[in-house]
Amino acid sequence: MWSTITTIIITALILSSVVVLSGPTTNIIIHIQQEALATMGDTRTPITATATAAAAACGQVLEGLVELNSNLNCSGDGLIVGGDDTTIRLNGHTIMGPGPDSSKVGISIGNQDGVRIEGPGTIEQFQAGILASGAEGTVISEMTLEDNQIAVFSTGTEGLQAMQNIITRNSIGIASHSSNGLELRENLLTGNVLAGITFVATGESLVSTNNVIESENGIFVDPQSSGNSIESNNVLRNKVDMNNANGLATNVNQNGFSDNNCQISNPSGLCIGR
């Protein structure tokens, strides 16, 4: 089981070194609502040169405030963030890729800080639904990520937050490698084959009030992941609900497990009353 998870994580790491700056010409409309922005006090410069709308393509580099008002069906990569403090609002629409066995990414964030990905909206059929690499302060909220190899992949990030997302039918729901200070709250992760949440060399992170259901491993942390707080989660109907480095004592890697509603843990004792 662990060797399979390791293989998937190593495959996903390749994504962080792939430059994804080209794509097909499938168009969406990015609508800039200047009056609404002024009402909300948002003074960011719109990404378009016109007052109403402009065309954008799969694989395009975008920055500023991006609002979708139609679906995006990509045979390559989806959207690529090109600047700090970019916000992408899906407004109920879908970004669809060429399949989870491709090398393509739905939304790619590389070294851009303060990026927000806001739903409602869906990202599906990519190798990574959302890839954050070297970024600080990424926020992912109210999204649906389904049928990807990895729904959310964090590598080398600081302070990534994922809150109130629905993450289902991926190989791995949320995967983190060499990242710190993640905050994963109030997400629903169901039917992700290998793991709901998996940490590799990830530290000082909070995993709280999530529902993690029907995976091989519900929540997995490896021996190099330390100082994490995993608390008040419902982790049920997984082959192993809670897995601290395949049975490593929690005082070795200093991870804290508390108030988790689960049935099976490795080592034992990580579930309430068990």
Protein backbone atom coordinates (compact mmCIF):
# COMPACT_ATOMS: atom_id res chain seq x y z
CA MET A 1 0.00 0.00 0.00
CA TRP A 2 2.71 2.47 1.00
CA SER A 3 4.81 1.69 -2.07
CA THR A 4 1.83 2.50 -4.29
CA ILE A 5 1.32 5.86 -2.58
CA THR A 6 5.01 6.64 -2.90
CA THR A 7 4.88 5.90 -6.63
CA ILE A 8 1.97 8.27 -7.13
CA ILE A 9 3.64 11.05 -5.12
CA ILE A 10 6.90 10.70 -7.08
CA THR A 11 4.94 10.82 -10.34
CA ALA A 12 3.21 13.98 -9.17
CA LEU A 13 6.51 15.63 -8.27
CA ILE A 14 7.39 15.65 -11.95
CA LEU A 15 4.63 18.21 -12.39
CA SER A 16 6.55 20.81 -10.41
CA SER A 17 9.38 20.84 -12.97
CA VAL A 18 7.17 20.98 -16.05
CA VAL A 19 6.81 24.40 -17.66
CA VAL A 20 3.22 24.69 -18.84
CA LEU A 21 3.07 27.80 -20.96
CA SER A 22 1.24 26.60 -24.04
CA GLY A 23 -2.14 25.14 -24.82
CA PRO A 24 -4.98 24.85 -27.31
CA THR A 25 -7.17 27.71 -28.43
CA THR A 26 -10.40 26.70 -26.72
CA ASN A 27 -11.88 30.00 -25.50
CA ILE A 28 -13.77 31.17 -22.47
CA ILE A 29 -14.99 34.61 -21.59
CA ILE A 30 -13.48 36.40 -18.61
CA HIS A 31 -16.01 38.94 -17.48
CA ILE A 32 -14.83 42.03 -15.60
CA GLN A 33 -17.56 43.59 -13.47
CA GLN A 34 -16.01 46.97 -12.76
CA GLU A 35 -19.00 48.44 -10.97
CA ALA A 36 -19.21 45.45 -8.63
CA LEU A 37 -15.49 45.63 -7.90
CA ALA A 38 -15.77 49.31 -7.05
CA THR A 39 -18.67 48.54 -4.71
CA MET A 40 -16.58 45.93 -2.89
CA GLY A 41 -13.61 48.28 -2.69
CA ASP A 42 -11.48 46.06 -4.97
CA THR A 43 -9.05 48.38 -6.75
CA ARG A 44 -7.07 45.78 -8.65
CA THR A 45 -6.54 46.45 -12.34
CA PRO A 46 -8.67 44.08 -14.45
CA ILE A 47 -6.75 41.70 -16.67
CA THR A 48 -8.60 42.87 -19.78
CA ALA A 49 -7.96 45.95 -21.84
CA THR A 50 -11.64 46.58 -22.44
CA ALA A 51 -14.43 47.52 -20.06
CA THR A 52 -16.52 44.42 -20.74
CA ALA A 53 -14.84 41.18 -21.72
CA ALA A 54 -11.94 39.51 -23.51
CA ALA A 55 -11.15 36.03 -24.77
CA ALA A 56 -8.78 33.71 -22.92
CA ALA A 57 -7.42 30.32 -23.98
CA CYS A 58 -6.50 27.10 -22.24
CA GLY A 59 -2.87 27.42 -21.22
CA GLN A 60 -2.95 31.19 -21.02
CA VAL A 61 -1.01 33.02 -18.29
CA LEU A 62 -3.36 35.24 -16.28
CA GLU A 63 -3.11 37.64 -13.37
CA GLY A 64 -5.29 40.05 -11.43
CA LEU A 65 -8.97 39.29 -11.05
CA VAL A 66 -10.26 36.53 -13.35
CA GLU A 67 -13.97 35.65 -13.49
CA LEU A 68 -15.28 32.79 -15.63
CA ASN A 69 -18.73 32.95 -17.19
CA SER A 70 -18.54 29.76 -19.26
CA ASN A 71 -16.94 26.33 -19.10
CA LEU A 72 -13.39 25.69 -20.27
CA ASN A 73 -12.73 22.39 -22.05
CA CYS A 74 -8.98 21.90 -22.46
CA SER A 75 -7.04 19.32 -24.43
CA GLY A 76 -3.93 20.61 -22.63
CA ASP A 77 -3.39 22.69 -19.53
CA GLY A 78 -6.05 24.87 -17.99
CA LEU A 79 -5.13 28.26 -16.47
CA ILE A 80 -1.68 29.40 -15.37
CA VAL A 81 -1.28 32.04 -12.70
CA GLY A 82 1.22 34.71 -13.71
CA GLY A 83 1.26 37.17 -10.82
CA ASP A 84 0.94 37.64 -7.08
CA ASP A 85 -2.48 38.31 -5.54
CA THR A 86 -4.35 36.77 -8.46
CA THR A 87 -7.94 35.67 -7.79
CA ILE A 88 -9.70 33.15 -10.04
CA ARG A 89 -13.45 32.85 -9.53
CA LEU A 90 -15.10 29.97 -11.35
CA ASN A 91 -18.66 31.25 -10.81
CA GLY A 92 -20.16 27.76 -11.03
CA HIS A 93 -18.31 26.73 -14.20
CA THR A 94 -16.05 23.77 -15.01
CA ILE A 95 -12.45 23.49 -16.19
CA MET A 96 -12.12 20.07 -17.83
CA GLY A 97 -8.88 18.45 -18.93
CA PRO A 98 -7.77 15.60 -21.20
CA GLY A 99 -7.75 12.95 -18.46
CA PRO A 100 -6.00 12.01 -15.22
CA ASP A 101 -3.32 10.02 -17.07
CA SER A 102 -2.19 13.11 -18.95
CA SER A 103 0.60 15.40 -17.73
CA LYS A 104 -1.74 18.41 -17.62
CA VAL A 105 -2.73 20.74 -14.80
CA GLY A 106 -6.06 22.48 -14.23
CA ILE A 107 -4.75 25.59 -12.46
CA SER A 108 -1.00 26.01 -12.02
CA ILE A 109 0.50 28.32 -9.37
CA GLY A 110 4.28 28.61 -9.36
CA ASN A 111 6.01 31.00 -6.94
CA GLN A 112 3.09 33.42 -7.00
CA ASP A 113 1.95 34.52 -3.55
CA GLY A 114 -1.49 35.42 -2.25
CA VAL A 115 -3.39 33.51 -4.95
CA ARG A 116 -7.06 32.65 -4.38
CA ILE A 117 -9.06 29.99 -6.23
CA GLU A 118 -12.74 30.48 -5.44
CA GLY A 119 -15.78 28.37 -6.20
CA PRO A 120 -18.35 27.29 -6.68
CA GLY A 121 -16.89 25.53 -9.67
CA THR A 122 -15.33 22.25 -10.79
CA ILE A 123 -11.88 21.13 -11.97
CA GLU A 124 -11.77 17.62 -13.40
CA GLN A 125 -9.82 15.22 -15.61
CA PHE A 126 -6.27 16.53 -15.02
CA GLN A 127 -3.15 14.91 -13.61
CA ALA A 128 -3.28 17.65 -10.97
CA GLY A 129 -6.43 19.67 -10.53
CA ILE A 130 -4.60 22.48 -8.72
CA LEU A 131 -0.80 22.54 -8.50
CA ALA A 132 0.87 25.02 -6.11
CA SER A 133 4.67 24.99 -6.27
CA GLY A 134 6.79 27.35 -4.19
CA ALA A 135 3.84 29.62 -3.46
CA GLU A 136 2.89 31.35 -0.21
CA GLY A 137 -0.60 32.05 1.05
CA THR A 138 -2.61 30.14 -1.55
CA VAL A 139 -6.32 29.86 -0.66
CA ILE A 140 -8.62 27.27 -2.28
CA SER A 141 -12.27 27.46 -1.22
CA GLU A 142 -15.67 26.05 -2.16
CA MET A 143 -14.32 24.11 -5.14
CA THR A 144 -15.26 20.68 -6.48
CA LEU A 145 -12.26 18.64 -7.66
CA GLU A 146 -13.06 15.25 -9.12
CA ASP A 147 -11.67 12.55 -11.39
CA ASN A 148 -8.07 13.85 -11.32
CA GLN A 149 -4.98 11.86 -10.42
CA ILE A 150 -4.32 14.34 -7.60
CA ALA A 151 -6.94 16.96 -6.80
CA VAL A 152 -4.71 19.44 -4.93
CA PHE A 153 -0.93 19.07 -4.99
CA SER A 154 1.24 21.32 -2.82
CA THR A 155 5.02 21.23 -3.19
CA GLY A 156 7.36 23.64 -1.44
CA THR A 157 4.56 25.93 -0.31
CA GLU A 158 3.98 27.98 2.83
CA GLY A 159 0.58 28.61 4.35
CA LEU A 160 -1.68 26.99 1.78
CA GLN A 161 -5.31 26.88 2.90
CA ALA A 162 -8.00 24.56 1.52
CA MET A 163 -11.44 25.08 3.02
CA GLN A 164 -14.96 23.83 2.29
CA ASN A 165 -14.04 21.95 -0.88
CA ILE A 166 -15.58 18.74 -2.25
CA ILE A 167 -12.83 16.39 -3.40
CA THR A 168 -13.98 13.08 -4.84
CA ARG A 169 -12.97 10.15 -7.09
CA ASN A 170 -9.34 11.18 -7.47
CA SER A 171 -6.38 8.87 -6.89
CA ILE A 172 -5.29 11.19 -4.07
CA GLY A 173 -7.37 14.03 -2.69
CA ILE A 174 -4.82 16.43 -1.19
CA ALA A 175 -1.09 15.67 -1.44
CA SER A 176 1.62 17.78 0.16
CA HIS A 177 5.38 17.47 -0.28
CA SER A 178 8.03 19.64 1.40
CA SER A 179 5.44 22.20 2.48
CA ASN A 180 4.72 23.94 5.77
CA GLY A 181 1.85 25.65 7.52
CA LEU A 182 -1.00 24.12 5.57
CA GLU A 183 -4.52 24.61 6.91
CA LEU A 184 -7.05 22.05 5.69
CA ARG A 185 -10.51 22.66 7.16
CA GLU A 186 -14.07 21.54 6.55
CA ASN A 187 -13.38 19.66 3.32
CA LEU A 188 -15.35 16.63 2.15
CA LEU A 189 -13.03 13.98 0.67
CA THR A 190 -14.80 10.86 -0.59
CA GLY A 191 -13.81 7.91 -2.76
CA ASN A 192 -10.23 9.01 -3.43
CA VAL A 193 -8.59 5.69 -4.22
CA LEU A 194 -5.16 5.78 -2.54
CA ALA A 195 -5.56 8.48 0.08
CA GLY A 196 -7.79 11.33 1.13
CA ILE A 197 -4.94 13.44 2.54
CA THR A 198 -1.25 12.53 2.40
CA PHE A 199 1.75 14.43 3.78
CA VAL A 200 5.35 13.81 2.75
CA ALA A 201 8.04 15.95 4.46
CA THR A 202 5.32 18.39 5.51
CA GLY A 203 5.27 20.16 8.85
CA GLU A 204 3.48 22.53 11.23
CA SER A 205 0.14 22.06 9.49
CA LEU A 206 -3.44 21.82 10.70
CA VAL A 207 -5.94 19.22 9.45
CA SER A 208 -9.25 19.88 11.17
CA THR A 209 -13.00 19.18 10.84
CA ASN A 210 -12.72 17.33 7.53
CA ASN A 211 -14.78 14.32 6.42
CA VAL A 212 -12.48 11.73 4.83
CA ILE A 213 -14.28 8.66 3.58
CA GLU A 214 -13.62 5.50 1.53
CA SER A 215 -9.94 5.52 0.57
CA GLU A 216 -7.13 3.05 1.21
CA ASN A 217 -5.65 5.56 3.65
CA GLY A 218 -7.86 8.28 5.04
CA ILE A 219 -5.12 10.55 6.39
CA PHE A 220 -1.46 9.51 5.95
CA VAL A 221 1.68 11.28 7.18
CA ASP A 222 5.19 9.97 6.50
CA PRO A 223 8.13 9.78 8.96
CA GLN A 224 9.56 13.11 7.74
CA SER A 225 6.29 14.97 8.40
CA SER A 226 6.38 16.49 11.88
CA GLY A 227 4.64 18.96 14.11
CA ASN A 228 1.26 18.54 12.45
CA SER A 229 -2.06 18.79 14.31
CA ILE A 230 -4.76 16.42 13.08
CA GLU A 231 -7.92 17.04 15.07
CA SER A 232 -11.69 16.72 15.09
CA ASN A 233 -11.96 14.93 11.73
CA ASN A 234 -14.48 12.26 10.70
CA VAL A 235 -12.32 9.63 8.98
CA LEU A 236 -14.44 6.57 8.25
CA ARG A 237 -14.79 3.54 5.98
CA ASN A 238 -11.18 3.66 4.84
CA LYS A 239 -8.94 0.57 4.90
CA VAL A 240 -6.83 2.52 7.39
CA ASP A 241 -8.47 5.67 8.66
CA MET A 242 -5.47 7.29 10.39
CA ASN A 243 -1.93 6.32 9.43
CA ASN A 244 1.09 7.87 11.12
CA ALA A 245 4.00 6.64 9.01
CA ASN A 246 2.77 3.05 8.90
CA GLY A 247 2.64 2.70 12.67
CA LEU A 248 5.40 5.03 13.83
CA ALA A 249 4.84 6.26 17.38
CA THR A 250 3.53 9.82 17.25
CA ASN A 251 6.15 11.08 19.72
CA VAL A 252 8.86 10.21 17.19
CA ASN A 253 7.69 12.64 14.51
CA GLN A 254 5.77 14.85 16.93
CA ASN A 255 2.42 14.76 15.19
CA GLY A 256 -0.67 15.35 17.31
CA PHE A 257 -3.89 13.38 16.80
CA SER A 258 -6.90 14.40 18.87
CA ASP A 259 -10.69 14.03 18.86
CA ASN A 260 -10.79 12.18 15.55
CA ASN A 261 -13.83 10.02 14.86
CA CYS A 262 -12.41 6.92 13.18
CA GLN A 263 -12.31 3.13 13.51
CA ILE A 264 -8.88 1.90 12.39
CA SER A 265 -5.58 3.63 13.04
CA ASN A 266 -1.91 2.74 12.66
CA PRO A 267 -0.57 2.86 15.34
CA SER A 268 -3.63 2.13 17.41
CA GLY A 269 -5.01 4.79 19.72
CA LEU A 270 -5.42 7.66 17.25
CA CYS A 271 -9.23 7.38 17.19
CA ILE A 272 -11.60 8.55 19.90
CA GLY A 273 -12.01 5.76 22.44
CA ARG A 274 -9.84 3.30 20.51
